[in-house]
Amino acid sequence: MGMRLRMETPSQVPVGRSPKGSAGLIFAVIIVVVAAVMSSAARWFLIISIPIGLLAAVILRLWNKYRPVKPEDVDNRPLKLD
C-alpha cells in the first residue's frame, strides 16, 4: 500500500473544449473517416449510404426546382389546432 495514485484537480483538466465552426466540422469529418477506415462494417455502410444520400439530395433539389411549393399549398396550421 506504499503506492498512492495522484489525481489531478479539476482546474488542471480542460473540460468542454471543442473546436468551433469550420474547424469543428473538419475535426468531425476526420473522426468519421478514421472510424470508417478502422471498421469494415462502417466502411461498407458509408460506401452504400453516401451515394444513396447524394442521389436523394439531387432528386429533391431538382424536384423543388421544377415544382416549387406555392404559397396557397402551405398550411400554417399543420396540427389543425384552433
N, C-alpha and C. Protein backbone atom coordinates (compact mmCIF):
# COMPACT_ATOMS: atom_id res chain seq x y z
N MET A 1 0.80 -1.20 0.00
CA MET A 1 0.00 0.00 0.00
C MET A 1 0.84 1.26 0.00
N GLY A 2 2.12 1.11 -0.30
CA GLY A 2 3.00 2.25 -0.30
C GLY A 2 2.80 3.15 -1.52
N MET A 3 2.17 2.62 -2.60
CA MET A 3 1.99 3.39 -3.82
C MET A 3 0.62 4.07 -3.81
N ARG A 4 0.61 5.38 -3.97
CA ARG A 4 -0.65 6.11 -3.98
C ARG A 4 -0.81 6.79 -5.34
N LEU A 5 -2.01 6.76 -5.85
CA LEU A 5 -2.30 7.43 -7.12
C LEU A 5 -2.61 8.89 -6.86
N ARG A 6 -2.01 9.73 -7.66
CA ARG A 6 -2.26 11.15 -7.53
C ARG A 6 -3.31 11.56 -8.55
N MET A 7 -4.37 12.19 -8.11
CA MET A 7 -5.42 12.63 -9.02
C MET A 7 -5.26 14.12 -9.28
N GLU A 8 -5.53 14.51 -10.51
CA GLU A 8 -5.45 15.92 -10.86
C GLU A 8 -6.68 16.66 -10.35
N THR A 9 -6.48 17.89 -10.00
CA THR A 9 -7.61 18.71 -9.58
C THR A 9 -8.39 19.14 -10.81
N PRO A 10 -9.68 19.41 -10.66
CA PRO A 10 -10.49 19.79 -11.83
C PRO A 10 -9.99 21.03 -12.56
N SER A 11 -9.28 21.92 -11.87
CA SER A 11 -8.81 23.13 -12.53
C SER A 11 -7.69 22.84 -13.53
N GLN A 12 -7.03 21.69 -13.40
CA GLN A 12 -5.93 21.36 -14.29
C GLN A 12 -6.39 20.60 -15.53
N VAL A 13 -7.61 20.09 -15.53
CA VAL A 13 -8.10 19.28 -16.63
C VAL A 13 -8.99 20.16 -17.51
N PRO A 14 -8.64 20.33 -18.80
CA PRO A 14 -9.50 21.13 -19.68
C PRO A 14 -10.81 20.39 -19.96
N VAL A 15 -11.90 21.00 -19.61
CA VAL A 15 -13.21 20.38 -19.77
C VAL A 15 -14.04 21.20 -20.74
N GLY A 16 -14.73 20.52 -21.65
CA GLY A 16 -15.65 21.19 -22.55
C GLY A 16 -14.98 21.97 -23.66
N ARG A 17 -13.75 21.69 -23.94
CA ARG A 17 -13.06 22.39 -25.02
C ARG A 17 -13.24 21.60 -26.30
N SER A 18 -13.95 22.18 -27.25
CA SER A 18 -14.15 21.52 -28.53
C SER A 18 -13.97 22.54 -29.64
N PRO A 19 -13.53 22.10 -30.81
CA PRO A 19 -13.36 23.04 -31.92
C PRO A 19 -14.69 23.64 -32.35
N LYS A 20 -14.67 24.88 -32.75
CA LYS A 20 -15.88 25.58 -33.16
C LYS A 20 -15.84 25.88 -34.65
N GLY A 21 -17.01 26.05 -35.25
CA GLY A 21 -17.12 26.49 -36.63
C GLY A 21 -16.60 25.46 -37.62
N SER A 22 -15.92 25.96 -38.64
CA SER A 22 -15.43 25.07 -39.69
C SER A 22 -14.34 24.14 -39.17
N ALA A 23 -13.60 24.57 -38.17
CA ALA A 23 -12.59 23.68 -37.59
C ALA A 23 -13.26 22.48 -36.94
N GLY A 24 -14.39 22.70 -36.30
CA GLY A 24 -15.15 21.60 -35.70
C GLY A 24 -15.68 20.65 -36.75
N LEU A 25 -16.14 21.18 -37.88
CA LEU A 25 -16.64 20.34 -38.97
C LEU A 25 -15.51 19.49 -39.54
N ILE A 26 -14.37 20.09 -39.76
CA ILE A 26 -13.21 19.34 -40.28
C ILE A 26 -12.80 18.25 -39.29
N PHE A 27 -12.78 18.59 -38.01
CA PHE A 27 -12.44 17.63 -36.97
C PHE A 27 -13.41 16.46 -36.98
N ALA A 28 -14.71 16.74 -37.09
CA ALA A 28 -15.72 15.68 -37.10
C ALA A 28 -15.57 14.79 -38.33
N VAL A 29 -15.29 15.38 -39.48
CA VAL A 29 -15.12 14.60 -40.71
C VAL A 29 -13.90 13.68 -40.58
N ILE A 30 -12.83 14.19 -40.00
CA ILE A 30 -11.63 13.37 -39.81
C ILE A 30 -11.93 12.20 -38.89
N ILE A 31 -12.67 12.43 -37.83
CA ILE A 31 -13.02 11.35 -36.90
C ILE A 31 -13.87 10.29 -37.61
N VAL A 32 -14.83 10.71 -38.42
CA VAL A 32 -15.68 9.75 -39.14
C VAL A 32 -14.86 8.95 -40.13
N VAL A 33 -13.95 9.60 -40.85
CA VAL A 33 -13.11 8.89 -41.83
C VAL A 33 -12.21 7.88 -41.13
N VAL A 34 -11.60 8.27 -40.03
CA VAL A 34 -10.74 7.35 -39.30
C VAL A 34 -11.54 6.16 -38.78
N ALA A 35 -12.74 6.41 -38.26
CA ALA A 35 -13.59 5.32 -37.77
C ALA A 35 -14.00 4.40 -38.91
N ALA A 36 -14.27 4.96 -40.08
CA ALA A 36 -14.67 4.14 -41.22
C ALA A 36 -13.53 3.26 -41.71
N VAL A 37 -12.32 3.79 -41.67
CA VAL A 37 -11.17 3.02 -42.11
C VAL A 37 -10.88 1.89 -41.12
N MET A 38 -11.10 2.14 -39.84
CA MET A 38 -10.81 1.15 -38.81
C MET A 38 -11.83 0.01 -38.77
N SER A 39 -13.04 0.25 -39.19
CA SER A 39 -14.09 -0.75 -39.10
C SER A 39 -14.60 -1.10 -40.50
N SER A 40 -14.56 -2.37 -40.84
CA SER A 40 -15.03 -2.76 -42.17
C SER A 40 -16.54 -2.61 -42.29
N ALA A 41 -17.29 -2.83 -41.20
CA ALA A 41 -18.74 -2.66 -41.27
C ALA A 41 -19.10 -1.20 -41.54
N ALA A 42 -18.44 -0.28 -40.86
CA ALA A 42 -18.70 1.14 -41.09
C ALA A 42 -18.28 1.55 -42.49
N ARG A 43 -17.18 0.98 -42.97
CA ARG A 43 -16.72 1.29 -44.32
C ARG A 43 -17.78 0.92 -45.35
N TRP A 44 -18.33 -0.29 -45.23
CA TRP A 44 -19.36 -0.72 -46.19
C TRP A 44 -20.63 0.11 -46.04
N PHE A 45 -20.98 0.46 -44.81
CA PHE A 45 -22.15 1.30 -44.60
C PHE A 45 -21.99 2.64 -45.30
N LEU A 46 -20.82 3.28 -45.15
CA LEU A 46 -20.59 4.56 -45.80
C LEU A 46 -20.52 4.44 -47.32
N ILE A 47 -19.91 3.36 -47.81
CA ILE A 47 -19.82 3.16 -49.26
C ILE A 47 -21.21 3.04 -49.87
N ILE A 48 -22.15 2.44 -49.14
CA ILE A 48 -23.50 2.27 -49.66
C ILE A 48 -24.37 3.50 -49.39
N SER A 49 -24.28 4.07 -48.19
CA SER A 49 -25.23 5.12 -47.80
C SER A 49 -24.90 6.50 -48.38
N ILE A 50 -23.63 6.82 -48.58
CA ILE A 50 -23.30 8.15 -49.10
C ILE A 50 -23.83 8.36 -50.51
N PRO A 51 -23.62 7.41 -51.45
CA PRO A 51 -24.22 7.62 -52.79
C PRO A 51 -25.75 7.67 -52.76
N ILE A 52 -26.38 6.88 -51.91
CA ILE A 52 -27.85 6.92 -51.81
C ILE A 52 -28.29 8.29 -51.29
N GLY A 53 -27.60 8.82 -50.28
CA GLY A 53 -27.94 10.14 -49.74
C GLY A 53 -27.72 11.24 -50.75
N LEU A 54 -26.63 11.16 -51.52
CA LEU A 54 -26.37 12.17 -52.55
C LEU A 54 -27.43 12.10 -53.66
N LEU A 55 -27.81 10.90 -54.06
CA LEU A 55 -28.85 10.74 -55.08
C LEU A 55 -30.17 11.31 -54.59
N ALA A 56 -30.54 11.05 -53.34
CA ALA A 56 -31.78 11.60 -52.78
C ALA A 56 -31.73 13.12 -52.74
N ALA A 57 -30.57 13.69 -52.38
CA ALA A 57 -30.43 15.14 -52.33
C ALA A 57 -30.59 15.76 -53.72
N VAL A 58 -30.00 15.13 -54.74
CA VAL A 58 -30.12 15.65 -56.11
C VAL A 58 -31.56 15.56 -56.59
N ILE A 59 -32.23 14.45 -56.32
CA ILE A 59 -33.63 14.29 -56.73
C ILE A 59 -34.51 15.34 -56.05
N LEU A 60 -34.34 15.55 -54.74
CA LEU A 60 -35.14 16.55 -54.05
C LEU A 60 -34.85 17.96 -54.54
N ARG A 61 -33.60 18.25 -54.83
CA ARG A 61 -33.23 19.58 -55.34
C ARG A 61 -33.88 19.84 -56.69
N LEU A 62 -33.82 18.86 -57.58
CA LEU A 62 -34.44 19.02 -58.89
C LEU A 62 -35.96 19.10 -58.79
N TRP A 63 -36.54 18.28 -57.92
CA TRP A 63 -38.00 18.29 -57.74
C TRP A 63 -38.46 19.68 -57.27
N ASN A 64 -37.76 20.25 -56.28
CA ASN A 64 -38.16 21.55 -55.76
C ASN A 64 -37.83 22.68 -56.73
N LYS A 65 -36.86 22.46 -57.60
CA LYS A 65 -36.53 23.49 -58.59
C LYS A 65 -37.61 23.59 -59.66
N TYR A 66 -38.11 22.44 -60.13
CA TYR A 66 -39.08 22.44 -61.23
C TYR A 66 -40.53 22.38 -60.75
N ARG A 67 -40.77 22.06 -59.50
CA ARG A 67 -42.12 22.07 -58.95
C ARG A 67 -42.11 22.77 -57.60
N PRO A 68 -41.92 24.09 -57.58
CA PRO A 68 -41.83 24.81 -56.30
C PRO A 68 -43.16 24.79 -55.55
N VAL A 69 -43.07 24.95 -54.25
CA VAL A 69 -44.25 24.99 -53.40
C VAL A 69 -44.92 26.34 -53.56
N LYS A 70 -46.21 26.32 -53.81
CA LYS A 70 -46.97 27.55 -53.97
C LYS A 70 -47.44 28.04 -52.60
N PRO A 71 -47.56 29.33 -52.41
CA PRO A 71 -48.00 29.85 -51.10
C PRO A 71 -49.35 29.29 -50.67
N GLU A 72 -50.26 29.06 -51.60
CA GLU A 72 -51.58 28.54 -51.22
C GLU A 72 -51.53 27.07 -50.79
N ASP A 73 -50.45 26.37 -51.12
CA ASP A 73 -50.30 24.97 -50.70
C ASP A 73 -49.74 24.84 -49.28
N VAL A 74 -49.25 25.94 -48.73
CA VAL A 74 -48.65 25.89 -47.41
C VAL A 74 -49.73 26.04 -46.35
N ASP A 75 -49.79 25.07 -45.44
CA ASP A 75 -50.75 25.14 -44.35
C ASP A 75 -50.00 25.59 -43.10
N ASN A 76 -50.38 26.75 -42.57
CA ASN A 76 -49.69 27.28 -41.40
C ASN A 76 -50.15 26.61 -40.11
N ARG A 77 -51.15 25.74 -40.20
CA ARG A 77 -51.66 25.03 -39.03
C ARG A 77 -51.57 23.53 -39.28
N PRO A 78 -50.39 22.93 -39.22
CA PRO A 78 -50.26 21.51 -39.57
C PRO A 78 -51.02 20.58 -38.64
N LEU A 79 -51.25 20.98 -37.37
CA LEU A 79 -51.98 20.12 -36.45
C LEU A 79 -53.47 20.46 -36.40
N LYS A 80 -53.88 21.47 -37.14
CA LYS A 80 -55.28 21.91 -37.21
C LYS A 80 -55.83 22.26 -35.83
N LEU A 81 -55.00 22.91 -35.04
CA LEU A 81 -55.43 23.34 -33.71
C LEU A 81 -55.96 24.76 -33.79
N ASP A 82 -57.18 24.98 -33.37
CA ASP A 82 -57.76 26.33 -33.40
C ASP A 82 -58.04 26.82 -32.02
